[in-house]
Amino acid sequence: MVRRGVRAGSRSVVLHALERDDADPVRVGFVVSAAVGNAVTRNRLKRQLRHLVVERLPALGAATSVVVRARADAATQAAPELARDLDGALQALAERRSPR
C-alpha cells in the first residue's frame, strides 16, 4: 500500500492512502512506534488519533485504506494542535488524490 498509494504529512503525522476497487467502507490503521514514547503515551496517542479520524471519515471517501503514522512530535502536542496537523495532512492528501 505504501508504494502504490499517496502520501502526505505534517509535523506530527504522516498519512498513506490507497483507493481500493471494492465498495467496502473506509479502513484506517494506526502506527505509533516506540520512538514516540512508552506504552502509556503510545496508547493515549492512538486513542486521540482514533477519535480525531472518526470525525473526519466522510472526507476520506469510500473504498479507501488509510494508514496514520504518528511522528515523535505528536506525543508532545496538545489535542487542538494534533487536530490541525491531521487536517493539514488530510487536505494535502486530498489535493494529491484529486485528478488534475
C-alpha atoms as a PDB file:
ATOM      1  CA  MET A   1       0.000   0.000   0.000  1.00  0.00           C
ATOM      2  CA  VAL A   2       2.782   2.419   0.834  1.00  0.00           C
ATOM      3  CA  ARG A   3       4.437   2.004  -2.563  1.00  0.00           C
ATOM      4  CA  ARG A   4       1.273   2.285  -4.657  1.00  0.00           C
ATOM      5  CA  GLY A   5      -0.639   4.847  -2.639  1.00  0.00           C
ATOM      6  CA  VAL A   6      -0.393   8.547  -1.961  1.00  0.00           C
ATOM      7  CA  ARG A   7       1.466  10.044   0.984  1.00  0.00           C
ATOM      8  CA  ALA A   8       1.010  13.358   2.785  1.00  0.00           C
ATOM      9  CA  GLY A   9       2.450  14.525   6.046  1.00  0.00           C
ATOM     10  CA  SER A  10       2.700  17.242   8.614  1.00  0.00           C
ATOM     11  CA  ARG A  11       4.883  17.866  11.641  1.00  0.00           C
ATOM     12  CA  SER A  12       3.255  15.184  13.766  1.00  0.00           C
ATOM     13  CA  VAL A  13       1.549  12.706  11.391  1.00  0.00           C
ATOM     14  CA  VAL A  14       2.081  11.062   8.017  1.00  0.00           C
ATOM     15  CA  LEU A  15      -0.872   9.656   6.079  1.00  0.00           C
ATOM     16  CA  HIS A  16      -0.664   6.922   3.468  1.00  0.00           C
ATOM     17  CA  ALA A  17      -3.803   6.339   1.376  1.00  0.00           C
ATOM     18  CA  LEU A  18      -4.766   3.831  -1.281  1.00  0.00           C
ATOM     19  CA  GLU A  19      -8.041   3.664  -3.165  1.00  0.00           C
ATOM     20  CA  ARG A  20      -9.403   0.125  -3.459  1.00  0.00           C
ATOM     21  CA  ASP A  21     -11.578  -1.424  -6.153  1.00  0.00           C
ATOM     22  CA  ASP A  22     -14.201  -2.827  -3.796  1.00  0.00           C
ATOM     23  CA  ALA A  23     -17.130  -0.974  -2.238  1.00  0.00           C
ATOM     24  CA  ASP A  24     -16.159  -1.627   1.364  1.00  0.00           C
ATOM     25  CA  PRO A  25     -16.124   1.300   3.789  1.00  0.00           C
ATOM     26  CA  VAL A  26     -13.010   3.236   4.719  1.00  0.00           C
ATOM     27  CA  ARG A  27     -10.333   1.263   6.568  1.00  0.00           C
ATOM     28  CA  VAL A  28      -7.948   3.128   8.880  1.00  0.00           C
ATOM     29  CA  GLY A  29      -4.865   1.775  10.624  1.00  0.00           C
ATOM     30  CA  PHE A  30      -2.571   3.469  13.115  1.00  0.00           C
ATOM     31  CA  VAL A  31       1.183   3.134  13.544  1.00  0.00           C
ATOM     32  CA  VAL A  32       2.781   4.596  16.664  1.00  0.00           C
ATOM     33  CA  SER A  33       6.367   3.431  17.135  1.00  0.00           C
ATOM     34  CA  ALA A  34       8.373   3.138  20.312  1.00  0.00           C
ATOM     35  CA  ALA A  35      10.202   6.343  19.334  1.00  0.00           C
ATOM     36  CA  VAL A  36       7.060   8.246  20.333  1.00  0.00           C
ATOM     37  CA  GLY A  37       7.241   7.214  23.982  1.00  0.00           C
ATOM     38  CA  ASN A  38       6.387   4.492  26.446  1.00  0.00           C
ATOM     39  CA  ALA A  39       3.331   2.239  26.143  1.00  0.00           C
ATOM     40  CA  VAL A  40       1.044   4.603  28.051  1.00  0.00           C
ATOM     41  CA  THR A  41       1.995   7.517  25.805  1.00  0.00           C
ATOM     42  CA  ARG A  42       1.603   5.482  22.620  1.00  0.00           C
ATOM     43  CA  ASN A  43      -1.816   4.142  23.599  1.00  0.00           C
ATOM     44  CA  ARG A  44      -3.046   7.605  24.638  1.00  0.00           C
ATOM     45  CA  LEU A  45      -1.897   8.995  21.294  1.00  0.00           C
ATOM     46  CA  LYS A  46      -3.630   6.171  19.390  1.00  0.00           C
ATOM     47  CA  ARG A  47      -6.876   6.919  21.221  1.00  0.00           C
ATOM     48  CA  GLN A  48      -6.584  10.627  20.412  1.00  0.00           C
ATOM     49  CA  LEU A  49      -5.855   9.922  16.747  1.00  0.00           C
ATOM     50  CA  ARG A  50      -8.706   7.412  16.514  1.00  0.00           C
ATOM     51  CA  HIS A  51     -11.122   9.986  17.938  1.00  0.00           C
ATOM     52  CA  LEU A  52      -9.920  12.675  15.517  1.00  0.00           C
ATOM     53  CA  VAL A  53     -10.048  10.386  12.467  1.00  0.00           C
ATOM     54  CA  VAL A  54     -13.583   9.148  13.202  1.00  0.00           C
ATOM     55  CA  GLU A  55     -14.816  12.743  12.987  1.00  0.00           C
ATOM     56  CA  ARG A  56     -13.130  13.101   9.588  1.00  0.00           C
ATOM     57  CA  LEU A  57     -14.123   9.789   7.947  1.00  0.00           C
ATOM     58  CA  PRO A  58     -16.633  11.303   5.498  1.00  0.00           C
ATOM     59  CA  ALA A  59     -13.837  13.383   3.955  1.00  0.00           C
ATOM     60  CA  LEU A  60     -11.836  10.269   3.093  1.00  0.00           C
ATOM     61  CA  GLY A  61     -14.356   8.753   0.695  1.00  0.00           C
ATOM     62  CA  ALA A  62     -15.488   5.152   0.382  1.00  0.00           C
ATOM     63  CA  ALA A  63     -13.225   2.285  -0.681  1.00  0.00           C
ATOM     64  CA  THR A  64     -10.098   3.879   0.761  1.00  0.00           C
ATOM     65  CA  SER A  65      -7.444   2.418   3.028  1.00  0.00           C
ATOM     66  CA  VAL A  66      -5.547   4.898   5.181  1.00  0.00           C
ATOM     67  CA  VAL A  67      -2.585   4.411   7.493  1.00  0.00           C
ATOM     68  CA  VAL A  68      -1.945   7.151  10.049  1.00  0.00           C
ATOM     69  CA  ARG A  69       1.671   7.124  11.235  1.00  0.00           C
ATOM     70  CA  ALA A  70       2.477   9.257  14.258  1.00  0.00           C
ATOM     71  CA  ARG A  71       5.825  11.002  14.443  1.00  0.00           C
ATOM     72  CA  ALA A  72       7.669  11.612  17.701  1.00  0.00           C
ATOM     73  CA  ASP A  73       6.430  15.235  17.856  1.00  0.00           C
ATOM     74  CA  ALA A  74       2.845  14.009  18.128  1.00  0.00           C
ATOM     75  CA  ALA A  75       3.297  12.922  21.736  1.00  0.00           C
ATOM     76  CA  THR A  76       4.132  16.450  22.905  1.00  0.00           C
ATOM     77  CA  GLN A  77       1.317  18.226  21.076  1.00  0.00           C
ATOM     78  CA  ALA A  78      -1.973  19.258  22.587  1.00  0.00           C
ATOM     79  CA  ALA A  79      -5.146  17.853  21.029  1.00  0.00           C
ATOM     80  CA  PRO A  80      -6.046  21.033  19.064  1.00  0.00           C
ATOM     81  CA  GLU A  81      -2.549  21.165  17.532  1.00  0.00           C
ATOM     82  CA  LEU A  82      -2.743  17.480  16.657  1.00  0.00           C
ATOM     83  CA  ALA A  83      -6.138  18.066  15.031  1.00  0.00           C
ATOM     84  CA  ARG A  84      -4.732  20.949  12.954  1.00  0.00           C
ATOM     85  CA  ASP A  85      -1.810  18.783  11.817  1.00  0.00           C
ATOM     86  CA  LEU A  86      -4.178  15.962  10.886  1.00  0.00           C
ATOM     87  CA  ASP A  87      -6.440  18.357   8.983  1.00  0.00           C
ATOM     88  CA  GLY A  88      -3.479  19.755   7.097  1.00  0.00           C
ATOM     89  CA  ALA A  89      -2.267  16.284   6.159  1.00  0.00           C
ATOM     90  CA  LEU A  90      -5.783  15.257   5.075  1.00  0.00           C
ATOM     91  CA  GLN A  91      -6.076  18.353   2.909  1.00  0.00           C
ATOM     92  CA  ALA A  92      -2.687  17.676   1.294  1.00  0.00           C
ATOM     93  CA  LEU A  93      -3.745  14.072   0.741  1.00  0.00           C
ATOM     94  CA  ALA A  94      -6.983  15.176  -0.939  1.00  0.00           C
ATOM     95  CA  GLU A  95      -5.058  17.532  -3.233  1.00  0.00           C
ATOM     96  CA  ARG A  96      -2.690  14.768  -4.282  1.00  0.00           C
ATOM     97  CA  ARG A  97      -5.512  12.274  -4.862  1.00  0.00           C
ATOM     98  CA  SER A  98      -7.687  14.567  -6.979  1.00  0.00           C
ATOM     99  CA  PRO A  99      -7.270  14.403 -10.758  1.00  0.00           C
ATOM    100  CA  ARG A 100      -5.608  17.450 -12.267  1.00  0.00           C
END
